C-alpha cells in the first residue's frame, strides 16, 4: 500500500484508489464472502469424507444427504432478493449468518456414528438457506458502500468481471 500511496501523490495510475481502504462497510462486505466461502468449502470437504468414510455411504447417497444444502442456497438466494425490498442488505446478511450458525450447530448435534438423517437434512437446509441469504445480498452491501465513480473498483475487489477496462489498464 505504501507504493500505491506514493503513486497517488504523484497523480499516477493506481491498482485501486487508496480511499477504498478506509471504507469500513466495504472492508466488512469483502470479508464476509471470504468467511462464507471458508465455511462452505470446509463443509463440502469434511461432510463427504464423514459420510463416505465413517458411515460407508456411496457417492449417490452422499449427494442426496447434502442435497438440502443446495436447495436452501437456491431458494433463499431468490428469497433474499425479495426481502431486499423490505429490509436492508446488512440486516439480511446478519440474519443469514445467524441461520448459518444455527444450521452448523444443528448439523454438529446430528453427526454421530449413526447419522440422524432427518435432523441432518434440516441442518443442511438451514445452512444452505443462510448461505443463500448472504450470497444474495453481499454484492449490494459492497456496491452500496462506495460512491458511483468507484463502483467498478469495488466490483473488481468483489471478484466480478468489470464491464469496462480498469483505470490502470493500457488504453
C-alpha atoms as a PDB file:
ATOM      1  CA  UNK A   1       0.000   0.000   0.000  1.00  0.00           C
ATOM      2  CA  UNK A   2       2.929   2.336   0.508  1.00  0.00           C
ATOM      3  CA  UNK A   3       3.649   2.100  -3.215  1.00  0.00           C
ATOM      4  CA  UNK A   4       0.024   2.865  -4.065  1.00  0.00           C
ATOM      5  CA  UNK A   5       0.022   5.922  -1.775  1.00  0.00           C
ATOM      6  CA  UNK A   6       3.228   7.122  -3.449  1.00  0.00           C
ATOM      7  CA  UNK A   7       1.685   6.690  -6.913  1.00  0.00           C
ATOM      8  CA  UNK A   8      -1.431   8.529  -5.782  1.00  0.00           C
ATOM      9  CA  UNK A   9       0.587  11.504  -4.514  1.00  0.00           C
ATOM     10  CA  UNK A  10       2.322  11.662  -7.893  1.00  0.00           C
ATOM     11  CA  UNK A  11      -1.015  11.529  -9.697  1.00  0.00           C
ATOM     12  CA  UNK A  12      -0.164   8.282 -11.490  1.00  0.00           C
ATOM     13  CA  UNK A  13      -2.442   5.319 -12.231  1.00  0.00           C
ATOM     14  CA  UNK A  14      -3.303   3.053  -9.298  1.00  0.00           C
ATOM     15  CA  UNK A  15      -4.367  -0.554  -8.945  1.00  0.00           C
ATOM     16  CA  UNK A  16      -7.038   0.588  -6.502  1.00  0.00           C
ATOM     17  CA  UNK A  17      -7.875   4.015  -5.067  1.00  0.00           C
ATOM     18  CA  UNK A  18      -6.379   4.156  -1.583  1.00  0.00           C
ATOM     19  CA  UNK A  19      -9.541   5.813  -0.277  1.00  0.00           C
ATOM     20  CA  UNK A  20     -11.310   2.442  -0.582  1.00  0.00           C
ATOM     21  CA  UNK A  21      -9.101   1.027   2.190  1.00  0.00           C
ATOM     22  CA  UNK A  22     -10.779   3.411   4.613  1.00  0.00           C
ATOM     23  CA  UNK A  23     -14.395   2.385   3.898  1.00  0.00           C
ATOM     24  CA  UNK A  24     -15.351   0.109   6.801  1.00  0.00           C
ATOM     25  CA  UNK A  25     -18.560  -1.167   5.193  1.00  0.00           C
ATOM     26  CA  UNK A  26     -16.600  -2.161   2.081  1.00  0.00           C
ATOM     27  CA  UNK A  27     -13.960  -3.972   4.131  1.00  0.00           C
ATOM     28  CA  UNK A  28     -16.618  -5.825   6.121  1.00  0.00           C
ATOM     29  CA  UNK A  29     -18.521  -6.629   2.949  1.00  0.00           C
ATOM     30  CA  UNK A  30     -15.372  -8.084   1.375  1.00  0.00           C
ATOM     31  CA  UNK A  31     -14.561 -10.162   4.456  1.00  0.00           C
ATOM     32  CA  UNK A  32     -17.979 -11.802   4.509  1.00  0.00           C
ATOM     33  CA  UNK A  33     -17.711 -13.660   1.166  1.00  0.00           C
ATOM     34  CA  UNK A  34     -14.295 -14.910   2.275  1.00  0.00           C
ATOM     35  CA  UNK A  35     -15.691 -16.168   5.572  1.00  0.00           C
ATOM     36  CA  UNK A  36     -18.718 -17.625   3.815  1.00  0.00           C
ATOM     37  CA  UNK A  37     -16.554 -19.470   1.297  1.00  0.00           C
ATOM     38  CA  UNK A  38     -14.241 -20.731   4.021  1.00  0.00           C
ATOM     39  CA  UNK A  39     -17.162 -22.229   5.939  1.00  0.00           C
ATOM     40  CA  UNK A  40     -18.867 -23.569   2.810  1.00  0.00           C
ATOM     41  CA  UNK A  41     -15.715 -25.102   1.346  1.00  0.00           C
ATOM     42  CA  UNK A  42     -14.727 -26.585   4.694  1.00  0.00           C
ATOM     43  CA  UNK A  43     -18.158 -28.130   4.991  1.00  0.00           C
ATOM     44  CA  UNK A  44     -18.016 -29.540   1.472  1.00  0.00           C
ATOM     45  CA  UNK A  45     -14.622 -31.006   2.252  1.00  0.00           C
ATOM     46  CA  UNK A  46     -15.451 -32.596   5.619  1.00  0.00           C
ATOM     47  CA  UNK A  47     -19.020 -33.827   5.049  1.00  0.00           C
ATOM     48  CA  UNK A  48     -18.348 -36.179   2.119  1.00  0.00           C
ATOM     49  CA  UNK A  49     -15.384 -37.651   3.996  1.00  0.00           C
ATOM     50  CA  UNK A  50     -17.576 -38.220   7.059  1.00  0.00           C
ATOM     51  CA  UNK A  51     -20.491 -39.621   5.073  1.00  0.00           C
ATOM     52  CA  UNK A  52     -18.355 -41.937   2.963  1.00  0.00           C
ATOM     53  CA  UNK A  53     -15.521 -42.961   5.265  1.00  0.00           C
ATOM     54  CA  UNK A  54     -17.302 -43.092   8.624  1.00  0.00           C
ATOM     55  CA  UNK A  55     -20.842 -44.003   7.602  1.00  0.00           C
ATOM     56  CA  UNK A  56     -19.920 -46.004   4.491  1.00  0.00           C
ATOM     57  CA  UNK A  57     -22.274 -44.188   2.118  1.00  0.00           C
ATOM     58  CA  UNK A  58     -21.580 -44.221  -1.610  1.00  0.00           C
ATOM     59  CA  UNK A  59     -21.302 -41.098  -3.797  1.00  0.00           C
ATOM     60  CA  UNK A  60     -25.012 -41.038  -4.680  1.00  0.00           C
ATOM     61  CA  UNK A  61     -26.133 -41.397  -1.048  1.00  0.00           C
ATOM     62  CA  UNK A  62     -23.652 -38.691  -0.053  1.00  0.00           C
ATOM     63  CA  UNK A  63     -25.024 -36.360  -2.719  1.00  0.00           C
ATOM     64  CA  UNK A  64     -28.578 -36.995  -1.577  1.00  0.00           C
ATOM     65  CA  UNK A  65     -27.655 -36.240   2.050  1.00  0.00           C
ATOM     66  CA  UNK A  66     -26.091 -32.918   1.002  1.00  0.00           C
ATOM     67  CA  UNK A  67     -28.863 -32.009  -1.481  1.00  0.00           C
ATOM     68  CA  UNK A  68     -30.927 -29.958   1.043  1.00  0.00           C
ATOM     69  CA  UNK A  69     -27.984 -27.560   1.347  1.00  0.00           C
ATOM     70  CA  UNK A  70     -28.170 -26.779  -2.381  1.00  0.00           C
ATOM     71  CA  UNK A  71     -31.944 -26.418  -2.219  1.00  0.00           C
ATOM     72  CA  UNK A  72     -31.596 -23.946   0.658  1.00  0.00           C
ATOM     73  CA  UNK A  73     -28.992 -21.901  -1.212  1.00  0.00           C
ATOM     74  CA  UNK A  74     -31.097 -21.672  -4.376  1.00  0.00           C
ATOM     75  CA  UNK A  75     -34.430 -20.930  -2.712  1.00  0.00           C
ATOM     76  CA  UNK A  76     -33.117 -18.327  -0.289  1.00  0.00           C
ATOM     77  CA  UNK A  77     -30.947 -16.646  -2.894  1.00  0.00           C
ATOM     78  CA  UNK A  78     -34.160 -15.735  -4.678  1.00  0.00           C
ATOM     79  CA  UNK A  79     -35.944 -15.102  -1.375  1.00  0.00           C
ATOM     80  CA  UNK A  80     -33.176 -12.739  -0.273  1.00  0.00           C
ATOM     81  CA  UNK A  81     -33.739 -10.617  -3.358  1.00  0.00           C
ATOM     82  CA  UNK A  82     -37.404 -10.268  -2.418  1.00  0.00           C
ATOM     83  CA  UNK A  83     -36.563  -9.442   1.189  1.00  0.00           C
ATOM     84  CA  UNK A  84     -34.278  -6.639  -0.003  1.00  0.00           C
ATOM     85  CA  UNK A  85     -37.351  -4.514  -0.687  1.00  0.00           C
ATOM     86  CA  UNK A  86     -38.323  -4.605   2.988  1.00  0.00           C
ATOM     87  CA  UNK A  87     -35.019  -4.952   4.854  1.00  0.00           C
ATOM     88  CA  UNK A  88     -31.534  -3.553   4.471  1.00  0.00           C
ATOM     89  CA  UNK A  89     -28.908  -5.779   2.843  1.00  0.00           C
ATOM     90  CA  UNK A  90     -26.880  -5.588   6.031  1.00  0.00           C
ATOM     91  CA  UNK A  91     -29.770  -6.938   8.112  1.00  0.00           C
ATOM     92  CA  UNK A  92     -30.393  -9.754   5.629  1.00  0.00           C
ATOM     93  CA  UNK A  93     -26.711 -10.752   5.719  1.00  0.00           C
ATOM     94  CA  UNK A  94     -26.729 -10.649   9.535  1.00  0.00           C
ATOM     95  CA  UNK A  95     -29.792 -12.913   9.662  1.00  0.00           C
ATOM     96  CA  UNK A  96     -28.202 -15.140   7.046  1.00  0.00           C
ATOM     97  CA  UNK A  97     -25.164 -15.620   9.270  1.00  0.00           C
ATOM     98  CA  UNK A  98     -27.378 -16.389  12.270  1.00  0.00           C
ATOM     99  CA  UNK A  99     -29.141 -19.056  10.193  1.00  0.00           C
ATOM    100  CA  UNK A 100     -25.768 -20.446   9.005  1.00  0.00           C
ATOM    101  CA  UNK A 101     -24.601 -20.781  12.615  1.00  0.00           C
ATOM    102  CA  UNK A 102     -27.901 -22.389  13.647  1.00  0.00           C
ATOM    103  CA  UNK A 103     -27.590 -24.857  10.777  1.00  0.00           C
ATOM    104  CA  UNK A 104     -23.994 -25.672  11.697  1.00  0.00           C
ATOM    105  CA  UNK A 105     -24.886 -26.227  15.357  1.00  0.00           C
ATOM    106  CA  UNK A 106     -27.797 -28.467  14.406  1.00  0.00           C
ATOM    107  CA  UNK A 107     -25.542 -30.311  11.966  1.00  0.00           C
ATOM    108  CA  UNK A 108     -22.932 -30.900  14.661  1.00  0.00           C
ATOM    109  CA  UNK A 109     -25.571 -32.270  17.012  1.00  0.00           C
ATOM    110  CA  UNK A 110     -26.858 -34.681  14.339  1.00  0.00           C
ATOM    111  CA  UNK A 111     -23.417 -36.037  13.455  1.00  0.00           C
ATOM    112  CA  UNK A 112     -22.640 -39.213  15.378  1.00  0.00           C
ATOM    113  CA  UNK A 113     -21.582 -42.718  14.433  1.00  0.00           C
ATOM    114  CA  UNK A 114     -25.180 -43.172  13.299  1.00  0.00           C
ATOM    115  CA  UNK A 115     -26.478 -40.158  11.427  1.00  0.00           C
ATOM    116  CA  UNK A 116     -29.888 -38.730  12.350  1.00  0.00           C
ATOM    117  CA  UNK A 117     -30.920 -38.142   8.728  1.00  0.00           C
ATOM    118  CA  UNK A 118     -33.993 -36.021   9.496  1.00  0.00           C
ATOM    119  CA  UNK A 119     -32.120 -33.611  11.739  1.00  0.00           C
ATOM    120  CA  UNK A 120     -29.157 -33.624   9.347  1.00  0.00           C
ATOM    121  CA  UNK A 121     -31.416 -32.707   6.407  1.00  0.00           C
ATOM    122  CA  UNK A 122     -32.958 -29.840   8.351  1.00  0.00           C
ATOM    123  CA  UNK A 123     -29.461 -28.692   9.343  1.00  0.00           C
ATOM    124  CA  UNK A 124     -28.324 -28.811   5.705  1.00  0.00           C
ATOM    125  CA  UNK A 125     -31.397 -26.862   4.631  1.00  0.00           C
ATOM    126  CA  UNK A 126     -30.819 -24.197   7.292  1.00  0.00           C
ATOM    127  CA  UNK A 127     -27.126 -23.965   6.487  1.00  0.00           C
ATOM    128  CA  UNK A 128     -27.871 -23.570   2.780  1.00  0.00           C
ATOM    129  CA  UNK A 129     -30.625 -21.041   3.471  1.00  0.00           C
ATOM    130  CA  UNK A 130     -28.241 -18.875   5.466  1.00  0.00           C
ATOM    131  CA  UNK A 131     -25.609 -19.081   2.740  1.00  0.00           C
ATOM    132  CA  UNK A 132     -28.254 -18.179   0.141  1.00  0.00           C
ATOM    133  CA  UNK A 133     -29.416 -15.146   2.114  1.00  0.00           C
ATOM    134  CA  UNK A 134     -25.853 -13.912   2.490  1.00  0.00           C
ATOM    135  CA  UNK A 135     -24.915 -14.564  -1.119  1.00  0.00           C
ATOM    136  CA  UNK A 136     -27.962 -12.698  -2.393  1.00  0.00           C
ATOM    137  CA  UNK A 137     -27.040  -9.514  -0.550  1.00  0.00           C
ATOM    138  CA  UNK A 138     -23.265  -9.286  -0.228  1.00  0.00           C
ATOM    139  CA  UNK A 139     -22.962  -7.642  -3.630  1.00  0.00           C
ATOM    140  CA  UNK A 140     -25.451  -4.974  -2.517  1.00  0.00           C
ATOM    141  CA  UNK A 141     -23.536  -4.364   0.707  1.00  0.00           C
ATOM    142  CA  UNK A 142     -20.260  -3.977  -1.160  1.00  0.00           C
ATOM    143  CA  UNK A 143     -21.568  -1.847  -4.004  1.00  0.00           C
ATOM    144  CA  UNK A 144     -23.623   0.451  -1.769  1.00  0.00           C
ATOM    145  CA  UNK A 145     -20.589   1.222   0.378  1.00  0.00           C
ATOM    146  CA  UNK A 146     -18.767   3.229  -2.304  1.00  0.00           C
ATOM    147  CA  UNK A 147     -19.624   6.221  -4.484  1.00  0.00           C
ATOM    148  CA  UNK A 148     -20.827   5.510  -8.030  1.00  0.00           C
ATOM    149  CA  UNK A 149     -17.486   6.541  -9.571  1.00  0.00           C
ATOM    150  CA  UNK A 150     -15.677   3.873  -7.511  1.00  0.00           C
ATOM    151  CA  UNK A 151     -18.174   1.097  -8.242  1.00  0.00           C
ATOM    152  CA  UNK A 152     -16.007  -0.596 -10.875  1.00  0.00           C
ATOM    153  CA  UNK A 153     -13.133  -0.815  -8.379  1.00  0.00           C
ATOM    154  CA  UNK A 154     -15.416  -2.235  -5.673  1.00  0.00           C
ATOM    155  CA  UNK A 155     -16.825  -4.714  -8.163  1.00  0.00           C
ATOM    156  CA  UNK A 156     -13.309  -5.789  -9.095  1.00  0.00           C
ATOM    157  CA  UNK A 157     -12.420  -6.282  -5.442  1.00  0.00           C
ATOM    158  CA  UNK A 158     -15.503  -8.414  -5.045  1.00  0.00           C
ATOM    159  CA  UNK A 159     -14.295 -10.643  -7.851  1.00  0.00           C
ATOM    160  CA  UNK A 160     -16.796  -9.825 -10.526  1.00  0.00           C
ATOM    161  CA  UNK A 161     -15.837  -9.111 -14.090  1.00  0.00           C
ATOM    162  CA  UNK A 162     -15.573  -5.459 -14.958  1.00  0.00           C
ATOM    163  CA  UNK A 163     -17.719  -4.064 -17.725  1.00  0.00           C
ATOM    164  CA  UNK A 164     -15.073  -1.546 -18.702  1.00  0.00           C
ATOM    165  CA  UNK A 165     -11.294  -1.523 -18.641  1.00  0.00           C
ATOM    166  CA  UNK A 166      -9.762  -0.766 -15.246  1.00  0.00           C
ATOM    167  CA  UNK A 167      -8.134   2.651 -14.823  1.00  0.00           C
ATOM    168  CA  UNK A 168      -4.690   1.152 -14.742  1.00  0.00           C
ATOM    169  CA  UNK A 169      -5.080  -0.848 -17.957  1.00  0.00           C
ATOM    170  CA  UNK A 170      -3.231   0.391 -21.029  1.00  0.00           C
ATOM    171  CA  UNK A 171      -5.594   2.205 -23.382  1.00  0.00           C
END
